Amino acid sequence: MLFFIDETWQELGDGQRIGALGAVALPQESYNDFCSAVFAMKRDLLGAQELSDSEIKGARCFAKAAFKRQELHGDSHWLAVADQMLEKLARFHARTFVIWTSHPDLLTLRNPHSTALSEPYRQLLFDMRGLMQHEAPGKLGALNFDLRGTREDEQTAVAIQNYLTRTKGGWREHFVQVPNFTVSSVSPGLQAADVIAFLGPHVSPASERPELRPYVGRMIGLRYEFPRGGPSGRISRTIRRVR
């Protein structure tokens, strides 16, 4: 199973600052077909000639200007891209994950210290482990992040590796211990995660973007649900808030 993870910080209409981790899980055996489908979409809608052309970003897809163009001219290529990205995630059996928070102490999602993992990241890993336990027992999940900078990525990699190897929870049975960092412009998986991360804060009731609701609803429709602590445990959902 391949997990692609991105993060965002947004200020919503009431001035409330929301931080969110957004992620998608895609079965490894279907990922190449997903990549081909995303490139074909970018070629047809955006004129891309290389995989790295016309990088898909949630901020571009859901900019207010895109909705204005749709209203005035009846077409918006970035909204069409968002629509097709969500369709392809559904077609290739992806699952979506969002951990969002308005807590000021948690808004630094990537912990600046290599000896600790922030609470949003721990909760995201718990949900990803739930998917692996129930849908891919005996297999390993690979964590993929957007390449930022050597020092920042090194700290993130060390923090995640330390957590997976030094804490209880059977992490090594479910995940490759070393995360991958990739340039997002050549990764359809990371571009999908960027779209999900952008929508993540708008799960909050504080969102004042009603035009996003249909897209948020489709994202929620792709979340994963599983019983925490055994078959009779409470149901955990992979789009949720950390307070």
Protein backbone atom coordinates (compact mmCIF):
# COMPACT_ATOMS: atom_id res chain seq x y z
CA MET A 1 0.00 0.00 0.00
CA LEU A 2 1.32 3.45 -0.92
CA PHE A 3 0.52 6.42 1.31
CA PHE A 4 1.01 9.99 0.04
CA ILE A 5 0.98 12.74 2.66
CA ASP A 6 0.79 16.53 2.45
CA GLU A 7 -0.06 19.34 4.83
CA THR A 8 -1.64 22.78 4.74
CA TRP A 9 -2.39 25.79 6.91
CA GLN A 10 -5.32 27.98 6.00
CA GLU A 11 -7.06 30.96 7.53
CA LEU A 12 -10.79 30.51 7.25
CA GLY A 13 -13.42 33.22 6.94
CA ASP A 14 -13.60 34.04 10.63
CA GLY A 15 -9.83 34.40 10.92
CA GLN A 16 -9.46 30.99 12.54
CA ARG A 17 -6.25 29.27 11.47
CA ILE A 18 -6.60 25.59 10.61
CA GLY A 19 -3.80 23.12 10.07
CA ALA A 20 -4.48 19.85 8.29
CA LEU A 21 -2.68 16.74 7.19
CA GLY A 22 -4.17 15.25 4.04
CA ALA A 23 -3.28 11.85 2.65
CA VAL A 24 -4.36 9.24 0.15
CA ALA A 25 -3.72 5.50 0.21
CA LEU A 26 -3.48 3.68 -3.11
CA PRO A 27 -2.91 -0.03 -3.69
CA GLN A 28 0.60 -0.52 -5.05
CA GLU A 29 -0.59 -2.84 -7.81
CA SER A 30 -2.84 -0.15 -9.32
CA TYR A 31 -0.56 2.87 -8.84
CA ASN A 32 1.02 2.79 -12.30
CA ASP A 33 -2.43 2.77 -13.90
CA PHE A 34 -3.45 5.67 -11.65
CA CYS A 35 -0.38 7.62 -12.77
CA SER A 36 -1.17 6.98 -16.44
CA ALA A 37 -4.75 8.12 -15.94
CA VAL A 38 -3.66 11.32 -14.18
CA PHE A 39 -1.16 12.14 -16.92
CA ALA A 40 -3.79 11.58 -19.62
CA MET A 41 -6.09 13.95 -17.74
CA LYS A 42 -3.37 16.60 -17.49
CA ARG A 43 -2.59 16.20 -21.18
CA ASP A 44 -6.23 16.57 -22.22
CA LEU A 45 -7.27 19.35 -19.83
CA LEU A 46 -4.04 21.28 -19.24
CA GLY A 47 -1.94 20.55 -22.32
CA ALA A 48 0.79 18.75 -20.37
CA GLN A 49 3.47 17.02 -22.42
CA GLU A 50 5.59 15.70 -19.54
CA LEU A 51 4.60 14.16 -16.22
CA SER A 52 6.06 17.19 -14.42
CA ASP A 53 4.03 19.71 -16.45
CA SER A 54 1.01 21.50 -14.96
CA GLU A 55 1.40 20.34 -11.37
CA ILE A 56 -1.97 19.86 -9.69
CA LYS A 57 -2.37 21.90 -6.51
CA GLY A 58 -5.45 22.20 -4.37
CA ALA A 59 -4.97 25.96 -4.14
CA ARG A 60 -5.12 26.20 -7.94
CA CYS A 61 -8.04 23.84 -8.37
CA PHE A 62 -10.19 25.52 -5.72
CA ALA A 63 -9.15 29.15 -6.12
CA LYS A 64 -12.09 31.55 -6.01
CA ALA A 65 -11.12 32.61 -9.54
CA ALA A 66 -11.80 29.07 -10.78
CA PHE A 67 -15.36 29.20 -9.44
CA LYS A 68 -15.80 32.71 -10.87
CA ARG A 69 -14.76 31.51 -14.30
CA GLN A 70 -17.16 28.58 -14.01
CA GLU A 71 -19.95 31.01 -13.14
CA LEU A 72 -19.19 33.47 -15.93
CA HIS A 73 -18.08 31.18 -18.76
CA GLY A 74 -19.47 27.79 -17.83
CA ASP A 75 -16.08 26.12 -17.75
CA SER A 76 -13.00 26.00 -15.53
CA HIS A 77 -10.17 23.65 -16.40
CA TRP A 78 -8.91 23.60 -12.79
CA LEU A 79 -12.31 22.61 -11.42
CA ALA A 80 -12.49 19.96 -14.14
CA VAL A 81 -9.10 18.68 -12.96
CA ALA A 82 -10.33 18.53 -9.35
CA ASP A 83 -13.46 16.70 -10.43
CA GLN A 84 -11.50 14.13 -12.41
CA MET A 85 -8.87 13.69 -9.70
CA LEU A 86 -11.57 12.73 -7.21
CA GLU A 87 -13.14 10.44 -9.81
CA LYS A 88 -9.82 8.69 -10.39
CA LEU A 89 -9.20 8.26 -6.68
CA ALA A 90 -12.55 6.50 -6.45
CA ARG A 91 -11.91 4.41 -9.57
CA PHE A 92 -8.57 3.15 -8.30
CA HIS A 93 -9.93 2.34 -4.82
CA ALA A 94 -8.07 5.07 -2.94
CA ARG A 95 -8.82 5.96 0.64
CA THR A 96 -8.58 9.48 2.03
CA PHE A 97 -7.23 10.66 5.39
CA VAL A 98 -7.46 14.07 7.05
CA ILE A 99 -6.32 15.11 10.50
CA TRP A 100 -7.19 18.74 11.15
CA THR A 101 -6.75 21.02 14.13
CA SER A 102 -7.22 24.60 15.25
CA HIS A 103 -5.13 24.11 18.38
CA PRO A 104 -2.30 26.68 18.21
CA ASP A 105 0.24 24.31 19.78
CA LEU A 106 -0.38 21.70 17.06
CA LEU A 107 -0.27 23.93 14.00
CA THR A 108 3.39 23.08 13.40
CA LEU A 109 2.50 19.78 11.84
CA ARG A 110 6.03 18.78 10.96
CA ASN A 111 7.80 18.75 14.29
CA PRO A 112 11.02 20.82 14.09
CA HIS A 113 12.79 18.33 16.39
CA SER A 114 13.91 14.90 15.23
CA THR A 115 13.24 13.32 18.63
CA ALA A 116 9.46 13.75 18.63
CA LEU A 117 6.47 13.23 16.38
CA SER A 118 3.63 15.73 16.56
CA GLU A 119 0.18 14.61 17.72
CA PRO A 120 -1.43 15.10 14.26
CA TYR A 121 1.21 12.84 12.69
CA ARG A 122 0.76 10.20 15.40
CA GLN A 123 -2.99 10.19 14.86
CA LEU A 124 -2.52 9.94 11.10
CA LEU A 125 -0.25 6.92 11.57
CA PHE A 126 -2.84 5.29 13.85
CA ASP A 127 -5.47 5.61 11.12
CA MET A 128 -3.10 4.34 8.42
CA ARG A 129 -2.23 1.37 10.62
CA GLY A 130 -5.96 0.64 10.93
CA LEU A 131 -6.20 0.41 7.13
CA MET A 132 -3.16 -1.86 6.94
CA GLN A 133 -4.43 -4.16 9.69
CA HIS A 134 -7.85 -4.66 8.13
CA GLU A 135 -7.20 -4.38 4.39
CA ALA A 136 -3.58 -5.43 3.86
CA PRO A 137 -2.51 -7.82 6.64
CA GLY A 138 0.96 -9.21 6.08
CA LYS A 139 1.90 -6.38 3.71
CA LEU A 140 3.87 -3.18 4.24
CA GLY A 141 2.78 0.38 3.65
CA ALA A 142 5.23 2.95 2.24
CA LEU A 143 5.02 6.58 3.41
CA ASN A 144 5.66 9.24 0.74
CA PHE A 145 6.18 12.95 1.42
CA ASP A 146 6.76 16.05 -0.67
CA LEU A 147 10.44 16.97 -0.92
CA ARG A 148 10.97 20.23 0.98
CA GLY A 149 14.56 20.72 2.00
CA THR A 150 17.41 18.48 3.08
CA ARG A 151 17.47 19.52 6.75
CA GLU A 152 13.69 19.63 7.23
CA ASP A 153 13.15 16.32 5.46
CA GLU A 154 15.94 14.70 7.45
CA GLN A 155 14.32 15.75 10.73
CA THR A 156 10.94 14.45 9.60
CA ALA A 157 12.43 11.15 8.43
CA VAL A 158 14.30 10.62 11.70
CA ALA A 159 11.23 11.48 13.80
CA ILE A 160 9.04 9.03 11.88
CA GLN A 161 11.67 6.30 11.86
CA ASN A 162 12.26 6.72 15.60
CA TYR A 163 8.55 6.48 16.26
CA LEU A 164 8.08 3.37 14.13
CA THR A 165 11.04 1.57 15.64
CA ARG A 166 10.99 2.71 19.29
CA THR A 167 7.31 2.67 20.25
CA LYS A 168 4.93 -0.22 20.76
CA GLY A 169 2.17 -0.93 18.30
CA GLY A 170 3.59 -3.42 15.82
CA TRP A 171 4.56 -0.64 13.43
CA ARG A 172 7.31 -2.64 11.69
CA GLU A 173 4.70 -5.27 10.77
CA HIS A 174 2.73 -2.70 8.79
CA PHE A 175 5.12 -0.03 7.46
CA VAL A 176 8.45 0.35 5.72
CA GLN A 177 10.47 2.09 8.42
CA VAL A 178 12.14 4.72 6.22
CA PRO A 179 9.83 7.27 4.53
CA ASN A 180 10.34 8.44 0.95
CA PHE A 181 10.64 12.08 -0.18
CA THR A 182 9.78 12.90 -3.79
CA VAL A 183 9.42 16.05 -5.91
CA SER A 184 5.66 16.52 -6.01
CA SER A 185 5.60 17.71 -9.63
CA VAL A 186 6.41 14.17 -10.82
CA SER A 187 4.21 12.35 -8.31
CA PRO A 188 0.48 12.00 -9.09
CA GLY A 189 0.04 10.51 -5.62
CA LEU A 190 1.45 13.60 -3.90
CA GLN A 191 -0.61 15.86 -6.14
CA ALA A 192 -3.73 13.94 -5.09
CA ALA A 193 -2.68 14.37 -1.45
CA ASP A 194 -2.31 18.12 -2.04
CA VAL A 195 -5.91 18.29 -3.26
CA ILE A 196 -7.11 16.37 -0.19
CA ALA A 197 -5.00 18.48 2.18
CA PHE A 198 -6.49 21.68 0.75
CA LEU A 199 -10.03 20.41 1.30
CA GLY A 200 -9.21 19.17 4.80
CA PRO A 201 -9.66 22.45 6.72
CA HIS A 202 -13.05 22.94 5.08
CA VAL A 203 -14.44 20.00 7.03
CA SER A 204 -14.48 22.54 9.85
CA PRO A 205 -17.80 24.31 10.51
CA ALA A 206 -15.79 27.54 10.41
CA SER A 207 -15.34 27.23 6.64
CA GLU A 208 -17.03 30.00 4.67
CA ARG A 209 -16.57 28.39 1.24
CA PRO A 210 -19.96 26.74 0.53
CA GLU A 211 -18.89 26.12 -3.07
CA LEU A 212 -16.39 23.56 -1.74
CA ARG A 213 -19.01 21.41 -0.02
CA PRO A 214 -19.62 19.03 -2.95
CA TYR A 215 -15.87 18.35 -3.19
CA VAL A 216 -15.52 17.95 0.58
CA GLY A 217 -18.44 15.51 0.48
CA ARG A 218 -16.76 13.41 -2.20
CA MET A 219 -13.52 13.40 -0.20
CA ILE A 220 -15.40 12.23 2.91
CA GLY A 221 -17.02 9.52 0.80
CA LEU A 222 -13.55 8.03 0.22
CA ARG A 223 -12.52 7.90 3.89
CA TYR A 224 -11.89 4.60 5.61
CA GLU A 225 -13.85 3.32 8.62
CA PHE A 226 -12.68 0.56 10.93
CA PRO A 227 -13.38 -0.76 14.44
CA ARG A 228 -10.74 0.43 16.87
CA GLY A 229 -9.62 -2.19 19.36
CA GLY A 230 -11.30 -5.18 17.74
CA PRO A 231 -14.48 -6.10 15.84
CA SER A 232 -16.75 -4.81 18.62
CA GLY A 233 -14.82 -1.59 19.20
CA ARG A 234 -16.03 1.88 18.35
CA ILE A 235 -15.86 2.90 14.72
CA SER A 236 -12.95 5.15 13.82
CA ARG A 237 -13.09 7.33 10.72
CA THR A 238 -10.05 8.60 8.88
CA ILE A 239 -11.25 12.19 8.49
CA ARG A 240 -11.31 13.75 11.94
CA ARG A 241 -10.18 16.53 14.25
CA VAL A 242 -7.39 16.56 16.82
CA ARG A 243 -8.05 19.02 19.64
